[in-house]
Amino acid sequence: MTASTATTLRGRVVTRDQVIEDGVVASTGDRISWVGPASAWTGDRAPHTNSTILPGLIDLHCHGGAGASFPDSPAVDLMTAVRHHRSRGTTTMLASLVSAPPERLIEQTSLLADLYESGDIAGLHIEGPFLSVARCGAQDPASLRSGDPGLLRDILAAGRGAVRSMTLAPEIDGFAAVAEMLRENGILPSIGHTDADALTTRRAVESLGDGPMTATHLFNGMPTWHHRSPGPVSECLAAAARSVMVLELIGDGVHLADETVRAVFDLVGGAQIALVSDAMAAAGMPDGRYRLGPLDVTVQHSVARLSRDADSETAPIAGGTATVLDLVRRAVLDARVPIVEAVRAASSTPAASIGLGSDIGCLEQGMRADVLVVDAAFEPLQVIRSGTAIREDS
C-alpha cells in the first residue's frame, strides 16, 4: 500500500448525473478536490486516456470472497474477502451474515465488529434468522425463528455499533417488535426471504414509516410475481416507485435475467436500486466445494448451489460469485442500462441507504477520494480508497 498523495486522473468521468467524455478527477490527501471537464482544468496537465473513471463501488450485501466467508471464517481470514472485493473496485462494503444458531451469530458479529472499528468495512448486514422457512433459499431452515428482540439486542451488543442492516420477513411472528428495535437503533430494515402476500407486504412497508428501507435481492427468496397473486414483488416495486424503498438486484445473469434488470431500471431508476453481489467464499475462486453458514455449497461453472440437493440444476442458488463491478459491466453491456444509472445503483444509492451519502458514493468535490478506473471492458485499471492506491494484496 502506498501513502495517499495528490492525484490527477483524466478520462471519461461518470458523475452522479452525467458522463463527462473528457474529464478530470483530482484529489488531495483523502478528499476529492476537483471534478469537471478537462478543458476547464487549470492544474497540472494529465494525458488523455481511453479509461473510464467511476466512484468507488459500494456493496450492501456480501458474504465473502477469495475463499473466505464472513459467516464462517476465523478472524485471521476475514480481510482476505475484503481485499478481493476491494481490488475489484468495491471500496465500501457491508459484511453479510446468514442465519445460524444464536451463539454463532453473536460470535461472528463480534469478530466482524473489529473490521468495522478498523474502518475496513462499513458495517454488517444480518440476513436472518427472522425469515420464512418456505422461502429460506440457501438459509439453514433449522436456524430460522420468529422475531426475537432479545436475540437482536444481543447481536447489536456484540456488534458495538457495526450492524447497519437486517433482512427479515414481514409475515413472521414478532416482525413489528424487531422492526421497531431496528428503527430505534438506526438500522436499515430489509424485506426478504419472505412468502408474504401483497397485503402483508404493503402493511409492513407502511409500518416502517418514512425511514430508509430496502428489499433483499428482489425476486430471489420470494414468490414469483403472478398477475392474480402479486406477492411481495409488486409491493416492493410500487414502494420503490414512490421513492420509499431501494431494491437490491443481483444482476449477474444467474439470479436475474438481463431483461429483468433492464425492466426494473426502466421502472424505478438507479436512484432506487442497489446492485449487490451477494457473493460468497467462491467469488474469485475456482469451482468446487465451499461453505455458506451451516450449509455445504457446490460451485459449478461459477454458479453456487446447495450441495444437499442431488439435482444441481434445480438446487437453490447459494449466493453469488461476482463482484459489484461485474454487475455494473453486465448492466451496461448486456442489459443496456445507461451507464449513469448503473453506476448510481452501485455507488450513490447504496451509500445513501446506509447513511453515508454525504461522504462516499459519487465523484464530487469534498467527497472521500474513493475512485475506480476501468477500461472499455470494465476491467479495473486502478483502485483508490481514501486517496490511497491499493493493490490486490493490500
Protein backbone atom coordinates (compact mmCIF):
# COMPACT_ATOMS: atom_id res chain seq x y z
CA MET A 1 0.00 0.00 0.00
CA THR A 2 1.30 3.47 -0.86
CA ALA A 3 0.77 6.71 1.04
CA SER A 4 -2.04 8.99 -0.10
CA THR A 5 -0.88 11.91 -2.29
CA ALA A 6 -2.25 14.43 -4.74
CA THR A 7 -3.62 12.58 -7.76
CA THR A 8 -4.91 13.76 -11.12
CA LEU A 9 -6.86 11.34 -13.33
CA ARG A 10 -8.15 12.03 -16.81
CA GLY A 11 -10.63 10.04 -18.90
CA ARG A 12 -14.35 9.54 -19.32
CA VAL A 13 -15.79 10.58 -15.96
CA VAL A 14 -19.12 9.24 -14.68
CA THR A 15 -20.65 11.61 -12.15
CA ARG A 16 -23.91 11.33 -10.26
CA ASP A 17 -25.94 12.67 -13.19
CA GLN A 18 -23.82 12.81 -16.34
CA VAL A 19 -20.87 11.49 -18.33
CA ILE A 20 -18.01 13.89 -19.00
CA GLU A 21 -16.39 12.40 -22.07
CA ASP A 22 -13.03 14.09 -21.41
CA GLY A 23 -12.89 14.87 -17.73
CA VAL A 24 -10.53 15.22 -14.81
CA VAL A 25 -10.80 13.98 -11.24
CA ALA A 26 -8.26 15.47 -8.86
CA SER A 27 -7.73 14.55 -5.23
CA THR A 28 -5.55 15.80 -2.42
CA GLY A 29 -4.97 13.52 0.53
CA ASP A 30 -8.14 11.57 1.19
CA ARG A 31 -10.55 14.04 -0.46
CA ILE A 32 -11.63 14.81 -3.99
CA SER A 33 -10.59 18.39 -4.76
CA TRP A 34 -11.93 18.91 -8.29
CA VAL A 35 -14.15 17.20 -10.88
CA GLY A 36 -15.01 18.60 -14.28
CA PRO A 37 -14.18 18.77 -17.99
CA ALA A 38 -10.50 18.68 -18.91
CA SER A 39 -10.93 21.94 -20.81
CA ALA A 40 -11.69 23.76 -17.53
CA TRP A 41 -8.89 22.16 -15.50
CA THR A 42 -6.09 24.61 -14.62
CA GLY A 43 -3.82 22.30 -12.67
CA ASP A 44 -1.05 20.02 -13.89
CA ARG A 45 -1.97 18.51 -17.21
CA ALA A 46 -2.76 14.82 -17.34
CA PRO A 47 -2.57 12.90 -20.62
CA HIS A 48 -5.86 11.95 -22.23
CA THR A 49 -6.75 8.26 -21.80
CA ASN A 50 -9.48 5.92 -23.00
CA SER A 51 -10.24 4.84 -19.45
CA THR A 52 -13.48 5.44 -17.56
CA ILE A 53 -13.37 6.96 -14.09
CA LEU A 54 -16.07 5.85 -11.64
CA PRO A 55 -16.70 6.44 -7.96
CA GLY A 56 -15.60 3.61 -5.72
CA LEU A 57 -18.33 0.97 -5.67
CA ILE A 58 -20.42 0.03 -2.64
CA ASP A 59 -21.76 -3.43 -1.81
CA LEU A 60 -24.57 -3.69 0.75
CA HIS A 61 -24.79 -7.49 0.62
CA CYS A 62 -21.63 -9.62 0.52
CA HIS A 63 -20.87 -12.88 2.32
CA GLY A 64 -17.24 -13.28 1.30
CA GLY A 65 -14.77 -14.00 -1.46
CA ALA A 66 -11.34 -15.40 -2.35
CA GLY A 67 -12.09 -18.48 -0.23
CA ALA A 68 -13.01 -16.55 2.91
CA SER A 69 -16.53 -16.42 4.34
CA PHE A 70 -17.84 -13.71 6.66
CA PRO A 71 -20.30 -16.15 8.31
CA ASP A 72 -17.69 -18.90 8.79
CA SER A 73 -14.06 -17.85 8.65
CA PRO A 74 -11.85 -17.09 11.66
CA ALA A 75 -10.75 -13.52 12.29
CA VAL A 76 -7.37 -14.04 10.63
CA ASP A 77 -9.02 -14.78 7.25
CA LEU A 78 -11.79 -12.18 7.12
CA MET A 79 -9.69 -9.47 5.45
CA THR A 80 -8.98 -11.88 2.57
CA ALA A 81 -12.56 -11.41 1.35
CA VAL A 82 -12.43 -7.65 1.87
CA ARG A 83 -9.20 -7.36 -0.14
CA HIS A 84 -10.61 -9.40 -3.02
CA HIS A 85 -13.62 -7.17 -3.49
CA ARG A 86 -11.62 -4.01 -2.86
CA SER A 87 -9.17 -4.96 -5.60
CA ARG A 88 -12.16 -5.15 -7.97
CA GLY A 89 -13.35 -1.65 -7.14
CA THR A 90 -15.60 -2.20 -4.11
CA THR A 91 -14.16 0.43 -1.80
CA THR A 92 -17.02 0.19 0.73
CA MET A 93 -18.89 -2.93 1.80
CA LEU A 94 -21.17 -4.42 4.40
CA ALA A 95 -20.16 -7.89 5.56
CA SER A 96 -23.23 -10.13 5.49
CA LEU A 97 -24.02 -12.98 7.84
CA VAL A 98 -26.59 -15.74 7.27
CA SER A 99 -28.99 -17.48 9.63
CA ALA A 100 -27.17 -19.58 12.22
CA PRO A 101 -27.59 -20.64 15.84
CA PRO A 102 -27.66 -17.60 18.15
CA GLU A 103 -24.25 -18.22 19.68
CA ARG A 104 -22.67 -18.43 16.22
CA LEU A 105 -24.33 -15.22 15.04
CA ILE A 106 -23.17 -13.38 18.14
CA GLU A 107 -19.62 -14.73 17.88
CA GLN A 108 -19.21 -13.82 14.21
CA THR A 109 -20.81 -10.42 14.69
CA SER A 110 -18.23 -9.66 17.35
CA LEU A 111 -15.35 -10.71 15.07
CA LEU A 112 -16.60 -8.56 12.22
CA ALA A 113 -17.12 -5.60 14.53
CA ASP A 114 -13.32 -5.44 14.74
CA LEU A 115 -13.17 -4.80 10.98
CA TYR A 116 -15.81 -2.11 11.37
CA GLU A 117 -13.84 -0.40 14.10
CA SER A 118 -10.68 -0.52 11.98
CA GLY A 119 -12.54 1.06 9.05
CA ASP A 120 -12.07 -1.90 6.73
CA ILE A 121 -15.83 -2.49 6.38
CA ALA A 122 -18.69 -0.03 6.71
CA GLY A 123 -20.66 -2.39 8.93
CA LEU A 124 -22.67 -5.59 8.98
CA HIS A 125 -25.78 -6.85 7.24
CA ILE A 126 -27.56 -9.57 9.22
CA GLU A 127 -29.51 -11.79 6.79
CA GLY A 128 -31.76 -13.71 9.15
CA PRO A 129 -32.67 -15.58 11.27
CA PHE A 130 -36.12 -13.92 11.27
CA LEU A 131 -37.05 -15.31 7.86
CA SER A 132 -39.65 -17.53 6.19
CA VAL A 133 -38.94 -21.25 6.18
CA ALA A 134 -40.95 -21.52 2.95
CA ARG A 135 -38.54 -19.10 1.22
CA CYS A 136 -35.33 -19.91 3.06
CA GLY A 137 -33.34 -20.48 -0.14
CA ALA A 138 -29.76 -21.12 0.96
CA GLN A 139 -30.55 -20.20 4.58
CA ASP A 140 -30.44 -23.05 7.09
CA PRO A 141 -34.11 -23.78 7.92
CA ALA A 142 -33.13 -25.20 11.31
CA SER A 143 -31.74 -21.79 12.30
CA LEU A 144 -34.84 -19.76 11.39
CA ARG A 145 -37.05 -18.41 14.14
CA SER A 146 -39.76 -15.89 14.99
CA GLY A 147 -38.81 -12.30 15.65
CA ASP A 148 -36.87 -12.17 18.91
CA PRO A 149 -35.98 -8.72 20.26
CA GLY A 150 -33.82 -10.34 22.94
CA LEU A 151 -31.64 -12.08 20.38
CA LEU A 152 -31.45 -8.93 18.31
CA ARG A 153 -30.36 -7.00 21.39
CA ASP A 154 -27.55 -9.50 21.96
CA ILE A 155 -26.45 -9.26 18.31
CA LEU A 156 -26.39 -5.46 18.47
CA ALA A 157 -24.37 -5.55 21.66
CA ALA A 158 -21.83 -7.87 20.06
CA GLY A 159 -21.69 -5.58 17.02
CA ARG A 160 -20.69 -2.48 19.01
CA GLY A 161 -22.41 -0.19 16.51
CA ALA A 162 -21.39 -2.19 13.43
CA VAL A 163 -24.83 -3.57 12.48
CA ARG A 164 -26.24 -1.37 9.71
CA SER A 165 -28.96 -3.52 8.12
CA MET A 166 -31.04 -6.63 8.74
CA THR A 167 -33.20 -8.78 6.49
CA LEU A 168 -36.49 -10.02 7.90
CA ALA A 169 -39.75 -11.44 6.56
CA PRO A 170 -42.88 -9.35 7.23
CA GLU A 171 -45.12 -12.35 7.95
CA ILE A 172 -43.12 -13.76 10.86
CA ASP A 173 -44.39 -13.51 14.41
CA GLY A 174 -42.61 -10.67 16.14
CA PHE A 175 -41.96 -8.64 12.96
CA ALA A 176 -43.29 -5.42 14.48
CA ALA A 177 -41.16 -5.67 17.63
CA VAL A 178 -37.98 -6.40 15.70
CA ALA A 179 -38.70 -3.66 13.16
CA GLU A 180 -39.27 -1.16 15.95
CA MET A 181 -35.94 -2.06 17.53
CA LEU A 182 -34.18 -1.67 14.19
CA ARG A 183 -35.65 1.80 13.74
CA GLU A 184 -34.78 2.81 17.31
CA ASN A 185 -31.15 1.86 16.65
CA GLY A 186 -30.91 3.48 13.22
CA ILE A 187 -30.56 0.13 11.44
CA LEU A 188 -31.82 -0.33 7.90
CA PRO A 189 -34.67 -2.88 7.67
CA SER A 190 -34.76 -5.00 4.53
CA ILE A 191 -37.69 -7.16 3.44
CA GLY A 192 -36.64 -10.52 2.07
CA HIS A 193 -36.75 -14.31 2.23
CA THR A 194 -40.50 -13.92 2.54
CA ASP A 195 -43.61 -15.82 1.50
CA ALA A 196 -45.88 -12.89 2.35
CA ASP A 197 -48.79 -11.88 0.16
CA ALA A 198 -49.09 -8.38 -1.27
CA LEU A 199 -51.30 -7.03 1.51
CA THR A 200 -48.99 -8.25 4.27
CA THR A 201 -46.03 -6.74 2.47
CA ARG A 202 -47.78 -3.40 1.99
CA ARG A 203 -48.72 -3.23 5.66
CA ALA A 204 -45.13 -3.99 6.62
CA VAL A 205 -43.82 -1.24 4.35
CA GLU A 206 -46.35 1.21 5.77
CA SER A 207 -45.45 0.22 9.33
CA LEU A 208 -41.80 1.04 8.67
CA GLY A 209 -42.73 4.67 8.04
CA ASP A 210 -40.71 7.16 6.06
CA GLY A 211 -37.25 5.97 7.02
CA PRO A 212 -34.99 4.18 4.54
CA MET A 213 -35.71 0.54 3.77
CA THR A 214 -34.60 -1.98 1.19
CA ALA A 215 -35.76 -5.20 -0.43
CA THR A 216 -33.22 -8.01 -0.12
CA HIS A 217 -32.32 -9.35 -3.59
CA LEU A 218 -35.70 -8.59 -5.20
CA PHE A 219 -37.32 -11.61 -6.93
CA ASN A 220 -34.97 -14.06 -5.21
CA GLY A 221 -36.18 -15.64 -1.98
CA MET A 222 -39.80 -14.64 -2.55
CA PRO A 223 -42.82 -15.84 -4.60
CA THR A 224 -42.89 -15.26 -8.33
CA TRP A 225 -44.83 -12.15 -9.34
CA HIS A 226 -48.15 -13.52 -10.65
CA HIS A 227 -50.89 -11.31 -12.04
CA ARG A 228 -53.53 -12.75 -9.69
CA SER A 229 -51.18 -13.25 -6.75
CA PRO A 230 -48.66 -10.41 -6.94
CA GLY A 231 -46.97 -11.14 -3.63
CA PRO A 232 -44.10 -9.00 -2.30
CA VAL A 233 -42.54 -8.22 -5.69
CA SER A 234 -45.33 -5.87 -6.80
CA GLU A 235 -45.40 -4.07 -3.45
CA CYS A 236 -41.64 -3.61 -3.39
CA LEU A 237 -41.66 -2.26 -6.93
CA ALA A 238 -44.50 0.10 -6.03
CA ALA A 239 -42.69 1.26 -2.90
CA ALA A 240 -39.55 1.95 -4.95
CA ALA A 241 -41.62 3.89 -7.48
CA ARG A 242 -42.87 6.02 -4.56
CA SER A 243 -39.20 6.54 -3.55
CA VAL A 244 -39.65 4.87 -0.14
CA MET A 245 -37.67 1.68 -0.85
CA VAL A 246 -34.40 0.73 -2.52
CA LEU A 247 -34.37 -2.59 -4.37
CA GLU A 248 -31.36 -4.88 -4.20
CA LEU A 249 -30.69 -6.60 -7.54
CA ILE A 250 -28.17 -9.40 -8.08
CA GLY A 251 -27.79 -8.67 -11.78
CA ASP A 252 -25.29 -11.42 -12.56
CA GLY A 253 -27.25 -13.31 -15.23
CA VAL A 254 -27.79 -16.19 -12.77
CA HIS A 255 -30.09 -14.72 -10.15
CA LEU A 256 -31.83 -12.43 -12.65
CA ALA A 257 -32.17 -12.28 -16.41
CA ASP A 258 -30.72 -9.21 -18.10
CA GLU A 259 -34.20 -8.28 -19.30
CA THR A 260 -35.46 -8.27 -15.72
CA VAL A 261 -32.65 -5.98 -14.64
CA ARG A 262 -33.36 -3.58 -17.52
CA ALA A 263 -37.09 -3.56 -16.75
CA VAL A 264 -36.54 -2.66 -13.09
CA PHE A 265 -34.18 0.16 -14.06
CA ASP A 266 -36.77 1.40 -16.55
CA LEU A 267 -39.48 1.26 -13.89
CA VAL A 268 -37.78 2.90 -10.90
CA GLY A 269 -34.35 4.17 -12.00
CA GLY A 270 -30.92 3.79 -10.46
CA ALA A 271 -31.77 6.09 -7.55
CA GLN A 272 -33.99 3.30 -6.14
CA ILE A 273 -31.74 0.33 -6.97
CA ALA A 274 -28.67 -1.11 -5.25
CA LEU A 275 -26.66 -3.59 -7.26
CA VAL A 276 -25.39 -6.18 -4.78
CA SER A 277 -23.07 -9.12 -5.25
CA ASP A 278 -24.47 -11.47 -2.58
CA ALA A 279 -21.02 -13.00 -3.09
CA MET A 280 -19.90 -15.95 -1.00
CA ALA A 281 -16.49 -17.53 -0.47
CA ALA A 282 -16.23 -18.81 -4.05
CA ALA A 283 -16.06 -15.31 -5.56
CA GLY A 284 -12.72 -15.12 -7.34
CA MET A 285 -12.11 -18.83 -6.80
CA PRO A 286 -12.35 -21.98 -8.98
CA ASP A 287 -15.33 -24.32 -9.00
CA GLY A 288 -15.52 -26.66 -6.03
CA ARG A 289 -17.00 -27.19 -2.57
CA TYR A 290 -17.48 -24.29 -0.15
CA ARG A 291 -19.47 -23.36 2.96
CA LEU A 292 -22.15 -20.73 3.49
CA GLY A 293 -23.01 -20.66 7.17
CA PRO A 294 -24.04 -24.16 8.29
CA LEU A 295 -24.59 -25.42 4.73
CA ASP A 296 -22.36 -27.00 2.08
CA VAL A 297 -22.28 -25.33 -1.33
CA THR A 298 -21.13 -26.70 -4.68
CA VAL A 299 -19.94 -24.27 -7.36
CA GLN A 300 -20.11 -25.39 -10.98
CA HIS A 301 -19.43 -23.04 -13.88
CA SER A 302 -19.26 -20.21 -11.31
CA VAL A 303 -22.84 -20.90 -10.13
CA ALA A 304 -23.17 -21.67 -6.40
CA ARG A 305 -25.91 -24.09 -5.31
CA LEU A 306 -26.64 -26.02 -2.15
CA SER A 307 -24.86 -29.39 -2.17
CA ARG A 308 -27.63 -31.25 -0.34
CA ASP A 309 -29.83 -31.40 -3.46
CA ALA A 310 -28.96 -34.18 -5.88
CA ASP A 311 -30.04 -32.23 -8.97
CA SER A 312 -27.64 -29.33 -9.18
CA GLU A 313 -29.70 -27.67 -11.91
CA THR A 314 -32.65 -27.14 -9.58
CA ALA A 315 -30.89 -26.85 -6.22
CA PRO A 316 -31.31 -23.46 -4.52
CA ILE A 317 -28.79 -20.83 -5.57
CA ALA A 318 -26.45 -20.20 -2.64
CA GLY A 319 -25.14 -16.69 -3.11
CA GLY A 320 -23.12 -15.23 -5.95
CA THR A 321 -19.57 -15.40 -7.26
CA ALA A 322 -19.41 -11.97 -8.91
CA THR A 323 -18.34 -8.54 -7.66
CA VAL A 324 -20.29 -5.30 -7.93
CA LEU A 325 -18.07 -4.26 -10.85
CA ASP A 326 -19.14 -7.43 -12.67
CA LEU A 327 -22.76 -6.37 -12.15
CA VAL A 328 -22.11 -2.86 -13.47
CA ARG A 329 -20.42 -4.34 -16.53
CA ARG A 330 -23.32 -6.68 -17.20
CA ALA A 331 -25.92 -3.99 -16.62
CA VAL A 332 -24.28 -1.67 -19.14
CA LEU A 333 -23.04 -4.12 -21.78
CA ASP A 334 -25.74 -6.83 -21.63
CA ALA A 335 -28.85 -5.30 -20.07
CA ARG A 336 -28.18 -1.99 -21.86
CA VAL A 337 -28.75 0.12 -18.78
CA PRO A 338 -27.39 3.67 -19.20
CA ILE A 339 -24.01 3.87 -17.51
CA VAL A 340 -25.00 6.77 -15.25
CA GLU A 341 -27.94 4.73 -13.91
CA ALA A 342 -25.90 1.56 -13.44
CA VAL A 343 -23.10 3.38 -11.63
CA ARG A 344 -25.59 5.25 -9.45
CA ALA A 345 -27.05 1.89 -8.38
CA ALA A 346 -23.57 0.71 -7.41
CA SER A 347 -22.43 3.84 -5.58
CA SER A 348 -24.56 6.82 -4.53
CA THR A 349 -27.80 4.88 -3.95
CA PRO A 350 -26.31 2.25 -1.61
CA ALA A 351 -24.27 4.97 0.12
CA ALA A 352 -27.41 6.96 0.88
CA SER A 353 -29.24 3.82 2.04
CA ILE A 354 -26.83 3.33 4.93
CA GLY A 355 -26.49 7.00 5.78
CA LEU A 356 -23.10 7.60 4.16
CA GLY A 357 -24.24 9.58 1.13
CA SER A 358 -22.61 12.81 2.31
CA ASP A 359 -19.15 11.23 2.36
CA ILE A 360 -18.94 8.50 -0.29
CA GLY A 361 -20.69 7.28 -3.43
CA CYS A 362 -20.02 9.94 -6.06
CA LEU A 363 -17.27 11.96 -7.68
CA GLU A 364 -17.75 15.41 -6.20
CA GLN A 365 -15.52 17.96 -4.53
CA GLY A 366 -15.16 17.27 -0.81
CA MET A 367 -16.18 13.63 -1.01
CA ARG A 368 -13.82 10.87 0.13
CA ALA A 369 -11.36 10.05 -2.63
CA ASP A 370 -12.72 6.60 -3.50
CA VAL A 371 -12.13 6.20 -7.23
CA LEU A 372 -12.21 3.30 -9.67
CA VAL A 373 -10.59 3.49 -13.11
CA VAL A 374 -11.68 0.85 -15.64
CA ASP A 375 -11.01 0.03 -19.28
CA ALA A 376 -13.58 -0.38 -22.06
CA ALA A 377 -14.40 -3.90 -20.84
CA PHE A 378 -14.96 -2.65 -17.27
CA GLU A 379 -11.80 -4.32 -16.02
CA PRO A 380 -10.14 -2.42 -13.16
CA LEU A 381 -7.03 -0.45 -14.02
CA GLN A 382 -6.68 1.42 -10.74
CA VAL A 383 -8.49 1.45 -7.41
CA ILE A 384 -8.09 4.34 -4.99
CA ARG A 385 -9.57 4.28 -1.49
CA SER A 386 -9.38 7.33 0.74
CA GLY A 387 -6.81 8.77 -1.66
CA THR A 388 -4.56 5.70 -1.48
CA ALA A 389 -3.95 3.46 -4.48
CA ILE A 390 -4.41 -0.15 -3.49
CA ARG A 391 -3.22 -3.49 -4.77
CA GLU A 392 -4.99 -6.86 -4.57
CA ASP A 393 -2.72 -7.91 -1.72
CA SER A 394 -3.09 -4.61 0.15
